[in-house]
Protein backbone atom coordinates (compact mmCIF):
# COMPACT_ATOMS: atom_id res chain seq x y z
CA MET A 1 34.17 78.77 83.32
CA SER A 2 34.41 74.56 84.30
CA ASP A 3 35.66 72.00 80.94
CA VAL A 4 36.89 74.81 78.19
CA ARG A 5 38.36 73.25 75.81
CA HIS A 6 38.28 75.85 72.71
CA CYS A 7 38.78 79.19 74.12
CA GLN A 8 41.04 80.77 76.94
CA VAL A 9 39.52 83.47 79.12
CA GLU A 10 41.70 85.53 81.08
CA ARG A 11 40.42 88.47 83.18
CA GLU A 12 43.41 91.35 83.46
CA GLY A 13 41.67 94.33 86.06
CA GLY A 14 39.13 95.23 84.09
CA VAL A 15 39.60 93.51 81.08
CA LEU A 16 38.12 89.92 79.88
CA TRP A 17 40.59 88.49 77.47
CA ILE A 18 38.75 86.24 75.44
CA THR A 19 41.09 84.00 72.77
CA ILE A 20 39.63 81.88 70.46
CA ASP A 21 42.02 78.60 71.13
CA ARG A 22 41.47 76.52 68.25
CA PRO A 23 44.72 77.23 65.96
CA ALA A 24 45.54 73.98 64.47
CA ALA A 25 41.65 74.93 62.87
CA MET A 26 42.69 78.11 61.97
CA ASN A 27 40.82 79.22 65.17
CA ALA A 28 37.69 77.99 62.89
CA LEU A 29 34.67 77.51 65.48
CA ASN A 30 32.73 74.34 65.70
CA PRO A 31 29.78 73.95 67.95
CA ALA A 32 31.26 73.56 71.15
CA ALA A 33 33.30 76.48 70.57
CA HIS A 34 30.70 78.22 69.71
CA ARG A 35 28.90 77.65 73.19
CA GLU A 36 31.54 78.15 75.04
CA LEU A 37 32.42 81.80 73.86
CA ALA A 38 28.41 82.47 74.42
CA ALA A 39 29.16 81.01 78.09
CA ALA A 40 32.80 83.71 78.42
CA PHE A 41 30.29 86.45 76.99
CA ASP A 42 27.68 85.85 79.16
CA VAL A 43 30.36 86.68 82.32
CA PHE A 44 31.61 89.68 80.68
CA ALA A 45 28.19 90.90 80.35
CA ALA A 46 26.77 89.87 83.71
CA ASP A 47 30.14 91.02 85.74
CA ARG A 48 30.19 94.66 86.63
CA THR A 49 33.72 95.20 87.20
CA LEU A 50 34.34 93.91 84.27
CA ARG A 51 34.28 96.82 81.45
CA VAL A 52 35.86 95.81 78.32
CA ALA A 53 36.07 92.62 76.72
CA VAL A 54 38.91 92.18 74.33
CA ILE A 55 38.38 89.06 71.42
CA THR A 56 41.49 87.83 69.71
CA GLY A 57 42.91 84.05 68.29
CA ALA A 58 45.36 81.87 69.54
CA GLY A 59 48.92 82.32 67.32
CA GLU A 60 49.83 84.07 64.42
CA ARG A 61 48.43 82.39 61.44
CA ALA A 62 44.26 83.34 62.14
CA PHE A 63 41.99 85.40 64.05
CA CYS A 64 39.24 83.29 62.80
CA VAL A 65 38.49 81.90 59.40
CA GLY A 66 34.55 80.92 60.07
CA SER A 67 33.07 77.96 60.43
CA ASP A 68 34.77 74.71 61.09
CA LEU A 69 33.53 73.11 57.86
CA LYS A 70 34.00 69.49 58.82
CA ALA A 71 31.85 69.96 61.68
CA ARG A 72 29.04 71.45 60.01
CA ALA A 73 29.47 68.86 57.16
CA GLU A 74 28.24 65.96 59.67
CA THR A 75 24.67 68.02 60.51
CA ASN A 76 24.87 70.32 56.98
CA ALA A 77 23.52 73.24 59.37
CA ASP A 78 25.31 76.00 61.49
CA ASP A 79 25.04 75.45 65.16
CA HIS A 80 24.91 78.75 67.05
CA PRO A 81 23.77 80.13 70.70
CA PRO A 82 20.91 82.46 70.34
CA THR A 83 23.40 84.80 70.52
CA GLY A 84 25.04 84.62 67.51
CA PHE A 85 28.43 83.72 65.77
CA ALA A 86 31.06 83.15 68.58
CA GLY A 87 28.22 83.79 71.11
CA LEU A 88 28.83 87.41 70.34
CA THR A 89 27.38 89.01 66.76
CA HIS A 90 23.28 88.57 67.95
CA ARG A 91 24.36 89.85 71.26
CA PHE A 92 22.40 93.21 70.53
CA ASP A 93 21.65 94.43 74.40
CA LEU A 94 25.47 94.30 75.52
CA THR A 95 26.25 97.94 76.50
CA LYS A 96 29.64 97.32 77.32
CA PRO A 97 32.89 97.51 74.57
CA VAL A 98 34.58 94.78 73.26
CA ILE A 99 37.66 95.00 71.14
CA ALA A 100 38.74 92.91 68.35
CA ALA A 101 42.86 92.33 68.21
CA VAL A 102 43.08 90.80 64.76
CA ASN A 103 46.33 88.32 64.54
CA GLY A 104 46.30 86.98 61.09
CA LEU A 105 43.61 85.80 58.89
CA ALA A 106 39.65 86.95 59.37
CA VAL A 107 37.45 85.81 56.60
CA GLY A 108 33.38 84.55 56.68
CA GLY A 109 32.78 84.46 60.41
CA GLY A 110 35.74 85.94 61.50
CA VAL A 111 34.85 89.13 59.65
CA GLU A 112 31.88 88.66 61.10
CA ILE A 113 32.95 88.65 64.65
CA VAL A 114 35.32 91.91 64.11
CA ALA A 115 32.16 94.02 62.29
CA ALA A 116 30.35 93.07 65.78
CA CYS A 117 32.79 94.37 67.97
CA ASP A 118 33.01 98.37 68.57
CA LEU A 119 36.54 98.68 68.05
CA ALA A 120 38.82 96.69 65.61
CA ILE A 121 42.84 96.52 65.94
CA ALA A 122 45.08 94.64 63.33
CA ALA A 123 48.44 93.14 63.21
CA ASP A 124 49.99 94.35 60.55
CA HIS A 125 50.64 91.12 58.54
CA ALA A 126 46.40 89.93 59.19
CA ALA A 127 44.24 89.81 56.16
CA LEU A 128 40.57 90.04 56.10
CA GLY A 129 37.52 88.83 53.62
CA GLY A 130 33.80 88.12 52.95
CA GLY A 131 31.32 87.74 56.08
CA GLY A 132 29.45 89.87 57.79
CA LEU A 133 27.34 91.18 54.90
CA GLN A 134 24.67 93.25 56.92
CA ARG A 135 27.27 94.83 59.17
CA LEU A 136 29.69 95.46 56.12
CA ALA A 137 26.60 97.33 54.64
CA ARG A 138 25.90 99.69 57.39
CA GLY A 139 29.63 100.26 58.65
CA LEU A 140 31.49 100.68 55.58
CA PRO A 141 30.45 102.87 52.48
CA LEU A 142 28.52 100.66 50.03
CA LYS A 143 30.75 100.34 47.60
CA GLN A 144 33.76 98.68 49.52
CA ALA A 145 31.08 96.42 51.30
CA MET A 146 29.82 94.88 47.46
CA ASP A 147 33.54 95.07 46.99
CA LEU A 148 34.48 92.57 49.70
CA ALA A 149 31.26 90.71 49.22
CA LEU A 150 31.28 90.33 45.49
CA THR A 151 34.70 89.48 44.47
CA GLY A 152 35.22 87.25 48.05
CA ARG A 153 39.32 88.81 47.91
CA ARG A 154 40.96 88.98 51.27
CA ILE A 155 42.71 92.65 51.90
CA GLY A 156 45.74 93.54 54.39
CA ALA A 157 45.55 95.10 57.66
CA GLU A 158 46.54 98.64 55.78
CA GLU A 159 43.52 98.47 53.30
CA ALA A 160 41.30 97.64 56.18
CA LYS A 161 42.06 100.64 58.15
CA ARG A 162 41.17 102.76 54.99
CA ILE A 163 37.97 101.61 54.25
CA GLY A 164 37.06 101.84 58.19
CA LEU A 165 36.75 98.41 59.05
CA VAL A 166 39.39 98.42 61.40
CA ASN A 167 40.59 101.27 63.47
CA ASP A 168 44.51 100.73 63.62
CA VAL A 169 47.19 98.42 62.61
CA VAL A 170 50.40 97.67 64.69
CA PRO A 171 53.61 95.39 64.25
CA ARG A 172 52.05 91.98 65.42
CA ALA A 173 54.47 92.29 68.25
CA GLU A 174 52.36 95.04 70.11
CA LEU A 175 48.85 94.11 69.24
CA LYS A 176 48.23 92.86 72.70
CA ALA A 177 49.95 96.03 74.29
CA ARG A 178 47.93 98.07 71.78
CA ALA A 179 44.93 96.66 72.56
CA SER A 180 45.57 96.99 76.12
CA ASP A 181 46.08 100.45 75.72
CA VAL A 182 42.76 101.21 74.03
CA ALA A 183 41.01 99.43 76.97
CA GLU A 184 42.32 100.96 79.86
CA MET A 185 41.70 104.56 78.05
CA ILE A 186 38.03 103.38 77.99
CA ILE A 187 38.08 102.10 81.58
CA ALA A 188 39.55 105.38 82.39
CA GLY A 189 35.86 106.58 81.42
CA ALA A 190 33.13 106.76 83.87
CA PRO A 191 31.17 103.20 83.27
CA LEU A 192 27.44 104.47 82.82
CA ALA A 193 28.91 107.15 80.43
CA ILE A 194 30.48 104.60 78.43
CA GLU A 195 27.71 102.63 78.36
CA ALA A 196 25.45 105.40 77.34
CA SER A 197 27.51 106.78 74.45
CA LYS A 198 27.55 102.83 73.25
CA GLN A 199 23.67 102.99 73.18
CA VAL A 200 23.01 106.52 71.81
CA MET A 201 25.34 105.75 68.78
CA LEU A 202 23.76 102.29 68.11
CA GLN A 203 20.05 103.27 69.07
CA SER A 204 20.07 106.11 66.80
CA LEU A 205 21.10 104.23 63.75
CA SER A 206 17.96 102.90 64.10
CA LEU A 207 16.58 106.33 63.34
CA PRO A 208 14.97 107.38 60.21
CA ASP A 209 16.86 110.68 60.35
CA LEU A 210 18.85 113.09 62.79
CA GLU A 211 16.27 114.93 63.65
CA SER A 212 14.41 112.07 65.01
CA ALA A 213 18.01 110.70 66.34
CA LEU A 214 18.16 113.96 68.52
CA ARG A 215 14.77 113.87 69.78
CA ALA A 216 15.06 110.40 70.54
CA ARG A 217 14.87 109.39 74.35
CA TYR A 218 17.93 107.12 75.07
CA PRO A 219 17.56 105.19 78.98
CA ALA A 220 20.99 104.72 79.48
CA ALA A 221 22.14 108.29 79.13
CA GLU A 222 19.20 109.57 81.19
CA ARG A 223 20.54 107.44 83.72
CA MET A 224 24.23 108.63 83.56
CA LEU A 225 23.08 112.46 83.33
CA GLU A 226 21.57 111.76 86.72
CA SER A 227 23.82 109.24 88.58
CA GLU A 228 26.41 110.10 91.41
CA ASP A 229 29.43 109.35 88.97
CA ALA A 230 27.53 112.60 86.90
CA LYS A 231 28.33 114.22 90.08
CA GLU A 232 31.64 113.42 90.67
CA GLY A 233 32.63 114.26 87.29
CA GLN A 234 31.79 117.56 88.19
CA ARG A 235 33.45 117.93 91.76
CA ALA A 236 36.33 116.33 90.29
CA PHE A 237 36.59 118.55 87.62
CA VAL A 238 35.87 121.95 90.16
CA GLU A 239 38.63 119.82 92.78
CA LYS A 240 41.18 119.85 89.62
CA ARG A 241 42.23 115.90 90.81
CA LYS A 242 40.91 112.64 89.16
CA PRO A 243 37.08 111.31 89.67
CA VAL A 244 36.80 108.54 91.06
CA TRP A 245 33.85 106.37 89.42
CA GLN A 246 31.38 104.46 91.48
CA GLY A 247 29.42 102.92 87.91
CA ARG A 248 26.05 104.51 90.03
């Protein structure tokens, strides 16, 4: 990626670290930042050797505080790419996992990013509030989601964990290491199995009841069960060794 000013993109093995790099603006996003983040997620989606993405913010004050209101005031409108806020929130065809490493304040669109990620780990000083109403209503107990939406209050990282908005809370100095550990645990699994697991869970949410979900067809799961990696997993178990995944 060339001419990138508002985010940092760094590859560490099979993990793509995407850092919103506007600390002076509390990592609020303007149109250029949205486009750069969308391009970073395009790279992640297209590269089969990249298995997990982690999105975080520069500095320790903020993960993302939503839209850059100064930029928004100039046009009186939001300017998002088709893939949504931060190039992520409307990316419904992304089969690979994304982790939010919440390094500080997340409000408005920042919470929407967190809710759009598959997993979220927060530093113990982080605070979250508002945003992502459609996802919060689906991902949290409704009264907890209503509390955040209607009061506008901010909650600490531990409360965010208690209600299910984040998975884990760690000291701020350990945030990157913990996110890396979780990413590596995911990478240890077969790529097609990870893709199938995500597809089955998300696709089943759109079905009306458990029976429908259990009877539905899931193409990624069917592809995984017929793959060379499925055979390799069985061989590795019998031979008592670690499997060597090929992603096919």
